[in-house]
Amino acid sequence: MNPKVTILSIDAILSVLTFGIIATYYGTGNLTFAQGQTQQQQDQAAPFIVQNTSKSMQDPLPGHESHQIVIAAPPRSDGKIYSGVVTFTASIPVEVVVLHPYQPVASQGGGNQSGGEPLNAPFGDGKVAISLMKKFTDSPVNAGSLPFAGNALAFHTLDGKPFTVTYTVDADAKSPTTTATQ
């Protein structure tokens, strides 16, 4: 065996081991930093841009089975909120629906809720509050554009008439800021 090859091999092995130890020791901080960057990237707004033409279907919310709906921005399960603008044109007058997670608020006395409840429906393991905007149903033109924010966006009819809608959604999905409830 050639002594120069053996020395070179031992040097190579020691270099790899030394590099591994250094990388392990100092890499912990870099790994945390990299994870921090990933978390920061997750906290940043994610674009949600959709342009589509869709035919309505039966509304899947319990108690709304006689309604028709097109879901333009699907319900989010990651806790983020869509915030943006939607522009649409439909074959008949439609309502715009925005959904929000809903938790009833107890009254200050600890008893039953006072002040009533917003329009809501069962959804998954909880409830959603429903912003039902009818301003486009009274218009002679079945089209509109509006800013919106919520966990889902849809077009809807209460009378059950099927419809077709062409829409563009330009929004960001953002993490909400947590606030104290009253």
C-alpha atoms as a PDB file:
ATOM      1  CA  MET A   1       0.000   0.000   0.000  1.00  0.00           C
ATOM      2  CA  ASN A   2       1.317   3.417  -0.948  1.00  0.00           C
ATOM      3  CA  PRO A   3       1.890   5.580   2.207  1.00  0.00           C
ATOM      4  CA  LYS A   4       0.941   8.782   0.314  1.00  0.00           C
ATOM      5  CA  VAL A   5      -2.489   7.308  -0.564  1.00  0.00           C
ATOM      6  CA  THR A   6      -3.062   6.259   3.060  1.00  0.00           C
ATOM      7  CA  ILE A   7      -2.174   9.733   4.389  1.00  0.00           C
ATOM      8  CA  LEU A   8      -4.359  11.361   1.745  1.00  0.00           C
ATOM      9  CA  SER A   9      -7.248   9.026   2.643  1.00  0.00           C
ATOM     10  CA  ILE A  10      -6.897   9.741   6.366  1.00  0.00           C
ATOM     11  CA  ASP A  11      -6.760  13.500   5.647  1.00  0.00           C
ATOM     12  CA  ALA A  12      -9.888  13.210   3.491  1.00  0.00           C
ATOM     13  CA  ILE A  13     -11.736  11.259   6.190  1.00  0.00           C
ATOM     14  CA  LEU A  14     -10.689  13.739   8.907  1.00  0.00           C
ATOM     15  CA  SER A  15     -11.748  16.660   6.704  1.00  0.00           C
ATOM     16  CA  VAL A  16     -15.180  15.114   6.131  1.00  0.00           C
ATOM     17  CA  LEU A  17     -15.589  14.363   9.863  1.00  0.00           C
ATOM     18  CA  THR A  18     -14.446  17.867  10.844  1.00  0.00           C
ATOM     19  CA  PHE A  19     -16.796  19.429   8.309  1.00  0.00           C
ATOM     20  CA  GLY A  20     -19.634  17.222   9.604  1.00  0.00           C
ATOM     21  CA  ILE A  21     -19.005  18.256  13.223  1.00  0.00           C
ATOM     22  CA  ILE A  22     -18.799  21.948  12.302  1.00  0.00           C
ATOM     23  CA  ALA A  23     -21.888  21.715  10.130  1.00  0.00           C
ATOM     24  CA  THR A  24     -23.789  19.936  12.898  1.00  0.00           C
ATOM     25  CA  TYR A  25     -22.721  22.450  15.565  1.00  0.00           C
ATOM     26  CA  TYR A  26     -23.225  25.611  13.551  1.00  0.00           C
ATOM     27  CA  GLY A  27     -25.955  24.137  11.391  1.00  0.00           C
ATOM     28  CA  THR A  28     -28.383  24.153  14.306  1.00  0.00           C
ATOM     29  CA  GLY A  29     -28.558  27.930  14.178  1.00  0.00           C
ATOM     30  CA  ASN A  30     -28.856  27.884  10.414  1.00  0.00           C
ATOM     31  CA  LEU A  31     -31.581  25.263  10.584  1.00  0.00           C
ATOM     32  CA  THR A  32     -33.539  27.436  12.995  1.00  0.00           C
ATOM     33  CA  PHE A  33     -33.007  30.418  10.731  1.00  0.00           C
ATOM     34  CA  ALA A  34     -34.153  28.397   7.734  1.00  0.00           C
ATOM     35  CA  GLN A  35     -37.237  27.281   9.667  1.00  0.00           C
ATOM     36  CA  GLY A  36     -37.826  30.900  10.671  1.00  0.00           C
ATOM     37  CA  GLN A  37     -37.675  31.895   7.023  1.00  0.00           C
ATOM     38  CA  THR A  38     -40.164  29.178   6.162  1.00  0.00           C
ATOM     39  CA  GLN A  39     -42.516  30.408   8.895  1.00  0.00           C
ATOM     40  CA  GLN A  40     -42.056  33.988   7.677  1.00  0.00           C
ATOM     41  CA  GLN A  41     -42.822  32.872   4.134  1.00  0.00           C
ATOM     42  CA  GLN A  42     -45.938  31.082   5.421  1.00  0.00           C
ATOM     43  CA  ASP A  43     -47.057  34.279   7.164  1.00  0.00           C
ATOM     44  CA  GLN A  44     -46.714  36.282   3.953  1.00  0.00           C
ATOM     45  CA  ALA A  45     -49.688  36.717   1.664  1.00  0.00           C
ATOM     46  CA  ALA A  46     -50.109  34.027  -0.969  1.00  0.00           C
ATOM     47  CA  PRO A  47     -51.642  35.169  -4.259  1.00  0.00           C
ATOM     48  CA  PHE A  48     -54.957  33.622  -5.275  1.00  0.00           C
ATOM     49  CA  ILE A  49     -55.869  34.546  -8.840  1.00  0.00           C
ATOM     50  CA  VAL A  50     -58.627  32.693 -10.692  1.00  0.00           C
ATOM     51  CA  GLN A  51     -60.493  33.358 -13.921  1.00  0.00           C
ATOM     52  CA  ASN A  52     -63.236  30.906 -14.812  1.00  0.00           C
ATOM     53  CA  THR A  53     -66.703  30.255 -16.217  1.00  0.00           C
ATOM     54  CA  SER A  54     -68.798  27.879 -14.114  1.00  0.00           C
ATOM     55  CA  LYS A  55     -72.309  26.431 -14.023  1.00  0.00           C
ATOM     56  CA  SER A  56     -74.081  26.470 -10.683  1.00  0.00           C
ATOM     57  CA  MET A  57     -74.771  23.417  -8.539  1.00  0.00           C
ATOM     58  CA  GLN A  58     -76.959  22.687  -5.523  1.00  0.00           C
ATOM     59  CA  ASP A  59     -75.760  24.588  -2.445  1.00  0.00           C
ATOM     60  CA  PRO A  60     -74.106  22.060  -0.080  1.00  0.00           C
ATOM     61  CA  LEU A  61     -74.804  23.988   3.163  1.00  0.00           C
ATOM     62  CA  PRO A  62     -77.420  22.272   5.350  1.00  0.00           C
ATOM     63  CA  GLY A  63     -80.758  24.047   5.003  1.00  0.00           C
ATOM     64  CA  HIS A  64     -79.720  25.648   1.701  1.00  0.00           C
ATOM     65  CA  GLU A  65     -80.353  22.646  -0.557  1.00  0.00           C
ATOM     66  CA  SER A  66     -82.944  24.537  -2.632  1.00  0.00           C
ATOM     67  CA  HIS A  67     -80.357  27.209  -3.546  1.00  0.00           C
ATOM     68  CA  GLN A  68     -77.814  27.226  -6.389  1.00  0.00           C
ATOM     69  CA  ILE A  69     -74.131  28.148  -5.929  1.00  0.00           C
ATOM     70  CA  VAL A  70     -70.791  28.574  -7.721  1.00  0.00           C
ATOM     71  CA  ILE A  71     -67.778  28.549  -5.406  1.00  0.00           C
ATOM     72  CA  ALA A  72     -65.198  30.991  -6.783  1.00  0.00           C
ATOM     73  CA  ALA A  73     -62.719  30.875  -3.861  1.00  0.00           C
ATOM     74  CA  PRO A  74     -63.040  27.617  -1.903  1.00  0.00           C
ATOM     75  CA  PRO A  75     -63.290  27.554   1.889  1.00  0.00           C
ATOM     76  CA  ARG A  76     -59.837  27.754   3.471  1.00  0.00           C
ATOM     77  CA  SER A  77     -58.764  25.184   6.043  1.00  0.00           C
ATOM     78  CA  ASP A  78     -55.441  26.910   6.841  1.00  0.00           C
ATOM     79  CA  GLY A  79     -56.999  29.815   8.748  1.00  0.00           C
ATOM     80  CA  LYS A  80     -55.974  32.389   6.138  1.00  0.00           C
ATOM     81  CA  ILE A  81     -58.347  35.012   4.806  1.00  0.00           C
ATOM     82  CA  TYR A  82     -58.862  35.972   1.179  1.00  0.00           C
ATOM     83  CA  SER A  83     -58.627  39.706   0.632  1.00  0.00           C
ATOM     84  CA  GLY A  84     -59.066  41.105  -2.847  1.00  0.00           C
ATOM     85  CA  VAL A  85     -61.434  41.989  -5.665  1.00  0.00           C
ATOM     86  CA  VAL A  86     -63.904  39.939  -7.686  1.00  0.00           C
ATOM     87  CA  THR A  87     -65.462  40.952 -11.016  1.00  0.00           C
ATOM     88  CA  PHE A  88     -68.192  38.846 -12.613  1.00  0.00           C
ATOM     89  CA  THR A  89     -70.996  38.574 -15.133  1.00  0.00           C
ATOM     90  CA  ALA A  90     -73.816  36.044 -14.739  1.00  0.00           C
ATOM     91  CA  SER A  91     -76.654  34.645 -16.835  1.00  0.00           C
ATOM     92  CA  ILE A  92     -79.216  35.781 -14.220  1.00  0.00           C
ATOM     93  CA  PRO A  93     -79.071  38.107 -11.187  1.00  0.00           C
ATOM     94  CA  VAL A  94     -76.982  36.491  -8.413  1.00  0.00           C
ATOM     95  CA  GLU A  95     -75.975  37.277  -4.855  1.00  0.00           C
ATOM     96  CA  VAL A  96     -72.335  37.377  -3.820  1.00  0.00           C
ATOM     97  CA  VAL A  97     -71.630  35.288  -0.721  1.00  0.00           C
ATOM     98  CA  VAL A  98     -68.593  35.579   1.565  1.00  0.00           C
ATOM     99  CA  LEU A  99     -68.164  33.050   4.394  1.00  0.00           C
ATOM    100  CA  HIS A 100     -66.445  33.662   7.734  1.00  0.00           C
ATOM    101  CA  PRO A 101     -65.748  31.257  10.637  1.00  0.00           C
ATOM    102  CA  TYR A 102     -68.367  31.835  13.305  1.00  0.00           C
ATOM    103  CA  GLN A 103     -68.233  31.322  17.067  1.00  0.00           C
ATOM    104  CA  PRO A 104     -71.239  32.556  19.076  1.00  0.00           C
ATOM    105  CA  VAL A 105     -70.222  35.120  21.680  1.00  0.00           C
ATOM    106  CA  ALA A 106     -71.533  34.684  25.217  1.00  0.00           C
ATOM    107  CA  SER A 107     -73.064  37.715  26.879  1.00  0.00           C
ATOM    108  CA  GLN A 108     -71.046  39.492  29.538  1.00  0.00           C
ATOM    109  CA  GLY A 109     -73.212  37.988  32.266  1.00  0.00           C
ATOM    110  CA  GLY A 110     -72.132  34.506  31.211  1.00  0.00           C
ATOM    111  CA  GLY A 111     -75.671  33.556  30.230  1.00  0.00           C
ATOM    112  CA  ASN A 112     -77.229  33.169  26.818  1.00  0.00           C
ATOM    113  CA  GLN A 113     -76.059  35.272  23.932  1.00  0.00           C
ATOM    114  CA  SER A 114     -77.697  38.686  23.714  1.00  0.00           C
ATOM    115  CA  GLY A 115     -77.908  40.849  20.627  1.00  0.00           C
ATOM    116  CA  GLY A 116     -78.879  38.046  18.266  1.00  0.00           C
ATOM    117  CA  GLU A 117     -76.763  36.182  15.737  1.00  0.00           C
ATOM    118  CA  PRO A 118     -75.622  37.015  12.222  1.00  0.00           C
ATOM    119  CA  LEU A 119     -76.832  34.866   9.332  1.00  0.00           C
ATOM    120  CA  ASN A 120     -74.992  31.558   9.817  1.00  0.00           C
ATOM    121  CA  ALA A 121     -75.093  27.871   8.937  1.00  0.00           C
ATOM    122  CA  PRO A 122     -73.478  24.636  10.105  1.00  0.00           C
ATOM    123  CA  PHE A 123     -70.216  23.936   8.278  1.00  0.00           C
ATOM    124  CA  GLY A 124     -67.849  21.068   9.001  1.00  0.00           C
ATOM    125  CA  ASP A 125     -67.345  20.834  12.765  1.00  0.00           C
ATOM    126  CA  GLY A 126     -68.509  24.400  13.387  1.00  0.00           C
ATOM    127  CA  LYS A 127     -70.477  27.217  11.822  1.00  0.00           C
ATOM    128  CA  VAL A 128     -69.908  29.908   9.229  1.00  0.00           C
ATOM    129  CA  ALA A 129     -71.289  33.431   9.239  1.00  0.00           C
ATOM    130  CA  ILE A 130     -72.666  34.346   5.821  1.00  0.00           C
ATOM    131  CA  SER A 131     -72.318  37.767   4.200  1.00  0.00           C
ATOM    132  CA  LEU A 132     -75.064  37.655   1.558  1.00  0.00           C
ATOM    133  CA  MET A 133     -74.766  40.673  -0.732  1.00  0.00           C
ATOM    134  CA  LYS A 134     -77.887  41.145  -2.823  1.00  0.00           C
ATOM    135  CA  LYS A 135     -77.010  44.454  -4.417  1.00  0.00           C
ATOM    136  CA  PHE A 136     -76.501  42.719  -7.762  1.00  0.00           C
ATOM    137  CA  THR A 137     -79.969  41.102  -7.801  1.00  0.00           C
ATOM    138  CA  ASP A 138     -81.763  44.406  -8.333  1.00  0.00           C
ATOM    139  CA  SER A 139     -79.567  45.513 -11.216  1.00  0.00           C
ATOM    140  CA  PRO A 140     -80.690  45.284 -14.855  1.00  0.00           C
ATOM    141  CA  VAL A 141     -77.130  44.118 -15.629  1.00  0.00           C
ATOM    142  CA  ASN A 142     -76.114  40.773 -14.124  1.00  0.00           C
ATOM    143  CA  ALA A 143     -72.546  41.901 -13.496  1.00  0.00           C
ATOM    144  CA  GLY A 144     -70.456  43.677 -10.927  1.00  0.00           C
ATOM    145  CA  SER A 145     -67.160  44.179  -9.196  1.00  0.00           C
ATOM    146  CA  LEU A 146     -66.459  44.486  -5.484  1.00  0.00           C
ATOM    147  CA  PRO A 147     -63.732  44.198  -2.891  1.00  0.00           C
ATOM    148  CA  PHE A 148     -64.162  41.313  -0.444  1.00  0.00           C
ATOM    149  CA  ALA A 149     -62.480  39.638   2.525  1.00  0.00           C
ATOM    150  CA  GLY A 150     -63.355  36.280   4.062  1.00  0.00           C
ATOM    151  CA  ASN A 151     -62.652  32.545   4.107  1.00  0.00           C
ATOM    152  CA  ALA A 152     -64.650  31.679   0.962  1.00  0.00           C
ATOM    153  CA  LEU A 153     -66.347  33.465  -1.941  1.00  0.00           C
ATOM    154  CA  ALA A 154     -69.314  32.254  -3.969  1.00  0.00           C
ATOM    155  CA  PHE A 155     -72.143  33.312  -6.285  1.00  0.00           C
ATOM    156  CA  HIS A 156     -75.603  32.232  -5.205  1.00  0.00           C
ATOM    157  CA  THR A 157     -79.334  32.245  -5.924  1.00  0.00           C
ATOM    158  CA  LEU A 158     -82.032  31.747  -3.312  1.00  0.00           C
ATOM    159  CA  ASP A 159     -84.725  30.724  -5.797  1.00  0.00           C
ATOM    160  CA  GLY A 160     -82.870  27.626  -7.003  1.00  0.00           C
ATOM    161  CA  LYS A 161     -82.566  28.753 -10.628  1.00  0.00           C
ATOM    162  CA  PRO A 162     -79.429  27.335 -12.254  1.00  0.00           C
ATOM    163  CA  PHE A 163     -77.028  29.930 -13.675  1.00  0.00           C
ATOM    164  CA  THR A 164     -73.677  30.377 -15.360  1.00  0.00           C
ATOM    165  CA  VAL A 165     -71.135  32.924 -14.164  1.00  0.00           C
ATOM    166  CA  THR A 166     -67.821  34.146 -15.554  1.00  0.00           C
ATOM    167  CA  TYR A 167     -65.586  35.666 -12.910  1.00  0.00           C
ATOM    168  CA  THR A 168     -62.110  36.879 -12.081  1.00  0.00           C
ATOM    169  CA  VAL A 169     -60.808  36.804  -8.515  1.00  0.00           C
ATOM    170  CA  ASP A 170     -57.593  38.668  -7.718  1.00  0.00           C
ATOM    171  CA  ALA A 171     -56.840  38.229  -4.027  1.00  0.00           C
ATOM    172  CA  ASP A 172     -54.200  37.361  -1.485  1.00  0.00           C
ATOM    173  CA  ALA A 173     -54.575  34.748   1.240  1.00  0.00           C
ATOM    174  CA  LYS A 174     -53.352  36.379   4.437  1.00  0.00           C
ATOM    175  CA  SER A 175     -52.934  35.258   8.044  1.00  0.00           C
ATOM    176  CA  PRO A 176     -55.366  37.110  10.306  1.00  0.00           C
ATOM    177  CA  THR A 177     -54.293  39.236  13.228  1.00  0.00           C
ATOM    178  CA  THR A 178     -55.743  37.806  16.433  1.00  0.00           C
ATOM    179  CA  THR A 179     -57.821  40.186  18.523  1.00  0.00           C
ATOM    180  CA  ALA A 180     -59.669  39.822  21.796  1.00  0.00           C
ATOM    181  CA  THR A 181     -63.394  39.139  21.502  1.00  0.00           C
ATOM    182  CA  GLN A 182     -65.961  41.071  23.483  1.00  0.00           C
END
